[in-house]
């Protein structure tokens, strides 16, 4: 457990450095209050979720730490993970350049809305972790895995992806950038592609998943898709 805790906190610290560099280096300044507030939310919420997983579900925390392009067993998923990583980097870099060049004039109310979307999305991620211990960072079916159909999974089949889209949309707005939404447009098709591929794997390898698909119609947004 001590090793897992150390690995988790080091991973979070490394992410803090990377995100900080992606924001402040392109911005050319650290005098950017929207970015500091965003970073506080990002790492505050990440720390809360990490602590919860350490206490309640260390096995899930360990699986999440093994994620990334190299952890995916199939080439198509490696490609999708690389594309999503590049999209996330653009989600930070484009608002930073926007701030530096003064392209957008985003009202404080819209920034607060972006922060709210980010918090709700991140909070939903934590809720998904509590409901589904099989929420791996890679697409896989592990021994003993079962279909989860309770909590948010009783509303949509992929609440993790729905949560992700919320905080992705919220991020550029929280950073005071309209142009940063272009990065969301870039990421969207790759996440949907990954979602559909994951559904095919689950339908093929997870007993009961096709029945679950028949019961829960919507993938991301009830009444839409």
Protein backbone atom coordinates (compact mmCIF):
# COMPACT_ATOMS: atom_id res chain seq x y z
CA UNK A 1 0.00 0.00 0.00
CA UNK A 2 2.86 2.38 0.82
CA UNK A 3 4.30 1.86 -2.65
CA UNK A 4 0.91 2.47 -4.27
CA UNK A 5 0.41 5.66 -2.25
CA UNK A 6 3.86 6.92 -3.20
CA UNK A 7 3.24 6.13 -6.87
CA UNK A 8 -0.16 7.86 -6.78
CA UNK A 9 1.16 11.07 -5.20
CA UNK A 10 4.20 11.17 -7.48
CA UNK A 11 1.92 10.72 -10.48
CA UNK A 12 -0.29 13.57 -9.28
CA UNK A 13 2.74 15.80 -8.66
CA UNK A 14 4.11 15.04 -12.13
CA UNK A 15 0.74 15.89 -13.63
CA UNK A 16 0.74 19.18 -11.73
CA UNK A 17 4.12 20.10 -13.22
CA UNK A 18 3.05 19.12 -16.76
CA UNK A 19 -0.26 20.98 -16.60
CA UNK A 20 1.43 24.04 -15.09
CA UNK A 21 4.00 24.09 -17.88
CA UNK A 22 1.35 23.62 -20.58
CA UNK A 23 -0.52 26.61 -19.18
CA UNK A 24 2.06 29.14 -18.10
CA UNK A 25 4.85 28.65 -20.65
CA UNK A 26 2.64 29.38 -23.70
CA UNK A 27 0.92 32.16 -21.75
CA UNK A 28 4.29 33.81 -21.16
CA UNK A 29 3.31 34.83 -17.63
CA UNK A 30 2.11 33.46 -14.30
CA UNK A 31 -0.22 36.44 -13.82
CA UNK A 32 -3.32 34.59 -14.99
CA UNK A 33 -5.87 34.19 -12.23
CA UNK A 34 -8.20 31.94 -14.24
CA UNK A 35 -5.41 29.39 -14.69
CA UNK A 36 -4.48 29.44 -10.99
CA UNK A 37 -8.10 28.93 -9.98
CA UNK A 38 -8.44 26.09 -12.51
CA UNK A 39 -5.28 24.43 -11.21
CA UNK A 40 -6.57 24.67 -7.65
CA UNK A 41 -9.81 22.95 -8.64
CA UNK A 42 -8.05 20.36 -10.80
CA UNK A 43 -5.57 19.19 -8.22
CA UNK A 44 -7.81 19.70 -5.22
CA UNK A 45 -10.46 17.43 -6.72
CA UNK A 46 -7.83 14.98 -8.00
CA UNK A 47 -6.36 14.74 -4.49
CA UNK A 48 -9.80 14.11 -2.95
CA UNK A 49 -10.56 11.34 -5.46
CA UNK A 50 -7.09 9.82 -4.98
CA UNK A 51 -7.50 9.77 -1.19
CA UNK A 52 -10.94 8.17 -1.55
CA UNK A 53 -9.57 5.44 -3.82
CA UNK A 54 -6.65 4.79 -1.48
CA UNK A 55 -9.06 4.24 1.38
CA UNK A 56 -11.93 2.50 -0.41
CA UNK A 57 -10.63 0.81 -3.58
CA UNK A 58 -6.83 0.62 -3.91
CA UNK A 59 -7.14 -2.03 -6.64
CA UNK A 60 -9.02 0.45 -8.84
CA UNK A 61 -6.43 3.14 -8.10
CA UNK A 62 -3.67 0.76 -9.19
CA UNK A 63 -5.51 -0.04 -12.44
CA UNK A 64 -6.04 3.66 -13.15
CA UNK A 65 -2.33 4.36 -12.66
CA UNK A 66 -1.48 1.76 -15.31
CA UNK A 67 -3.33 3.71 -18.03
CA UNK A 68 -1.87 5.38 -21.10
CA UNK A 69 -1.10 4.54 -24.73
CA UNK A 70 1.52 1.90 -23.87
CA UNK A 71 -0.93 0.04 -21.61
CA UNK A 72 -3.44 -0.54 -24.40
CA UNK A 73 -3.06 -4.00 -25.99
CA UNK A 74 -4.39 -3.06 -29.46
CA UNK A 75 -2.82 -0.62 -31.95
CA UNK A 76 -6.09 1.23 -32.63
CA UNK A 77 -6.51 2.04 -28.94
CA UNK A 78 -2.87 3.14 -28.68
CA UNK A 79 -3.58 5.56 -31.54
CA UNK A 80 -6.78 6.84 -29.92
CA UNK A 81 -5.03 7.38 -26.58
CA UNK A 82 -2.25 9.36 -28.28
CA UNK A 83 -4.85 11.49 -30.09
CA UNK A 84 -6.72 12.12 -26.82
CA UNK A 85 -3.48 13.06 -25.05
CA UNK A 86 -2.64 15.55 -27.80
CA UNK A 87 -6.18 16.92 -27.59
CA UNK A 88 -5.89 17.39 -23.83
CA UNK A 89 -2.59 19.23 -24.29
CA UNK A 90 -4.27 21.48 -26.87
CA UNK A 91 -7.09 22.05 -24.38
CA UNK A 92 -4.55 23.85 -22.18
CA UNK A 93 -2.14 25.31 -24.72
CA UNK A 94 -4.76 26.98 -26.94
CA UNK A 95 -6.32 28.95 -24.02
CA UNK A 96 -2.80 29.89 -22.90
CA UNK A 97 -1.96 31.30 -26.32
CA UNK A 98 -5.40 32.91 -26.40
CA UNK A 99 -4.64 34.65 -23.10
CA UNK A 100 -1.21 35.77 -24.29
CA UNK A 101 -2.55 37.27 -27.52
CA UNK A 102 -5.83 38.55 -26.09
CA UNK A 103 -8.08 36.84 -28.63
CA UNK A 104 -11.03 36.16 -26.31
CA UNK A 105 -12.94 38.46 -24.01
CA UNK A 106 -14.74 36.02 -21.73
CA UNK A 107 -16.94 37.50 -18.97
CA UNK A 108 -16.31 36.38 -15.41
CA UNK A 109 -19.78 34.80 -15.35
CA UNK A 110 -18.78 32.50 -18.22
CA UNK A 111 -15.50 31.64 -16.46
CA UNK A 112 -17.50 30.68 -13.36
CA UNK A 113 -19.81 28.59 -15.55
CA UNK A 114 -16.76 26.80 -16.94
CA UNK A 115 -15.48 26.14 -13.42
CA UNK A 116 -18.90 24.79 -12.44
CA UNK A 117 -18.99 22.43 -15.44
CA UNK A 118 -15.50 21.26 -14.56
CA UNK A 119 -16.42 20.60 -10.92
CA UNK A 120 -19.64 18.77 -11.84
CA UNK A 121 -17.83 16.66 -14.43
CA UNK A 122 -15.01 15.79 -12.05
CA UNK A 123 -17.49 15.04 -9.28
CA UNK A 124 -19.33 12.67 -11.59
CA UNK A 125 -16.04 10.88 -12.30
CA UNK A 126 -15.64 10.28 -8.57
CA UNK A 127 -19.21 8.97 -8.41
CA UNK A 128 -18.50 6.54 -11.27
CA UNK A 129 -15.42 5.24 -9.43
CA UNK A 130 -17.54 4.57 -6.37
CA UNK A 131 -20.16 2.69 -8.39
CA UNK A 132 -17.87 0.68 -10.66
CA UNK A 133 -14.66 -0.88 -9.38
CA UNK A 134 -13.92 -2.13 -12.91
CA UNK A 135 -13.40 1.38 -14.32
CA UNK A 136 -10.00 0.62 -15.81
CA UNK A 137 -7.97 3.19 -17.71
CA UNK A 138 -7.58 0.59 -20.47
CA UNK A 139 -10.26 -1.26 -22.41
CA UNK A 140 -10.27 -4.73 -20.89
CA UNK A 141 -12.50 -7.31 -19.22
CA UNK A 142 -10.90 -8.72 -16.07
CA UNK A 143 -11.69 -12.05 -14.37
CA UNK A 144 -14.78 -11.79 -12.20
CA UNK A 145 -15.99 -8.57 -13.84
CA UNK A 146 -19.74 -8.08 -13.95
CA UNK A 147 -22.11 -5.63 -15.57
CA UNK A 148 -22.79 -2.54 -13.46
CA UNK A 149 -26.30 -1.19 -13.96
CA UNK A 150 -26.85 0.87 -10.81
CA UNK A 151 -26.27 4.54 -9.97
CA UNK A 152 -25.27 6.58 -13.04
CA UNK A 153 -25.15 3.35 -15.08
CA UNK A 154 -28.92 3.14 -14.71
CA UNK A 155 -29.20 6.40 -16.67
CA UNK A 156 -26.56 6.09 -19.42
CA UNK A 157 -24.24 3.26 -20.43
CA UNK A 158 -21.08 5.39 -20.32
CA UNK A 159 -21.27 7.89 -17.44
CA UNK A 160 -17.47 8.17 -17.36
CA UNK A 161 -17.41 9.53 -20.91
CA UNK A 162 -20.36 11.81 -20.15
CA UNK A 163 -18.47 13.18 -17.15
CA UNK A 164 -15.35 13.64 -19.25
CA UNK A 165 -17.19 15.72 -21.85
CA UNK A 166 -18.54 18.00 -19.13
CA UNK A 167 -15.15 18.88 -17.71
CA UNK A 168 -13.58 19.08 -21.17
CA UNK A 169 -16.15 21.70 -22.21
CA UNK A 170 -15.71 23.49 -18.90
CA UNK A 171 -11.91 23.70 -19.12
CA UNK A 172 -11.42 26.33 -21.87
CA UNK A 173 -14.28 28.43 -20.49
CA UNK A 174 -12.76 28.25 -17.01
CA UNK A 175 -9.48 29.44 -18.54
CA UNK A 176 -11.22 32.39 -20.21
CA UNK A 177 -10.96 31.13 -23.77
CA UNK A 178 -13.56 30.57 -26.48
CA UNK A 179 -10.97 29.37 -28.97
CA UNK A 180 -10.01 26.57 -26.61
CA UNK A 181 -13.35 24.95 -27.45
CA UNK A 182 -11.75 23.98 -30.77
CA UNK A 183 -9.68 21.44 -28.83
CA UNK A 184 -12.91 19.89 -27.54
CA UNK A 185 -14.10 19.59 -31.13
CA UNK A 186 -10.83 17.81 -31.93
CA UNK A 187 -11.10 15.39 -28.99
CA UNK A 188 -14.80 14.56 -29.40
CA UNK A 189 -14.63 12.13 -32.36
CA UNK A 190 -11.71 10.22 -30.85
CA UNK A 191 -13.52 9.76 -27.53
CA UNK A 192 -16.67 8.63 -29.33
CA UNK A 193 -14.59 6.21 -31.41
CA UNK A 194 -13.04 4.83 -28.21
CA UNK A 195 -16.48 4.53 -26.61
CA UNK A 196 -17.90 2.57 -29.54
CA UNK A 197 -14.86 0.29 -29.63
CA UNK A 198 -15.21 -0.32 -25.90
CA UNK A 199 -18.85 -1.26 -26.37
CA UNK A 200 -17.89 -3.86 -28.97
CA UNK A 201 -15.33 -5.39 -26.59
CA UNK A 202 -17.78 -5.47 -23.68
CA UNK A 203 -20.57 -6.95 -25.79
CA UNK A 204 -18.21 -9.67 -26.99
CA UNK A 205 -16.42 -10.50 -23.73
CA UNK A 206 -18.56 -9.43 -20.76
CA UNK A 207 -21.51 -11.75 -19.98
CA UNK A 208 -24.81 -9.89 -19.71
CA UNK A 209 -23.62 -6.70 -21.40
CA UNK A 210 -25.81 -7.11 -24.49
CA UNK A 211 -28.85 -7.46 -22.21
CA UNK A 212 -27.75 -4.29 -20.42
CA UNK A 213 -27.55 -2.49 -23.78
CA UNK A 214 -31.13 -3.50 -24.43
CA UNK A 215 -32.31 -2.14 -21.06
CA UNK A 216 -30.32 1.12 -21.06
CA UNK A 217 -30.81 2.78 -24.42
CA UNK A 218 -28.70 5.92 -24.11
CA UNK A 219 -24.90 5.99 -24.26
CA UNK A 220 -24.08 9.54 -23.14
CA UNK A 221 -27.08 11.87 -22.96
CA UNK A 222 -30.58 10.65 -22.07
CA UNK A 223 -32.99 11.31 -24.90
CA UNK A 224 -30.21 12.24 -27.32
CA UNK A 225 -27.67 9.43 -27.82
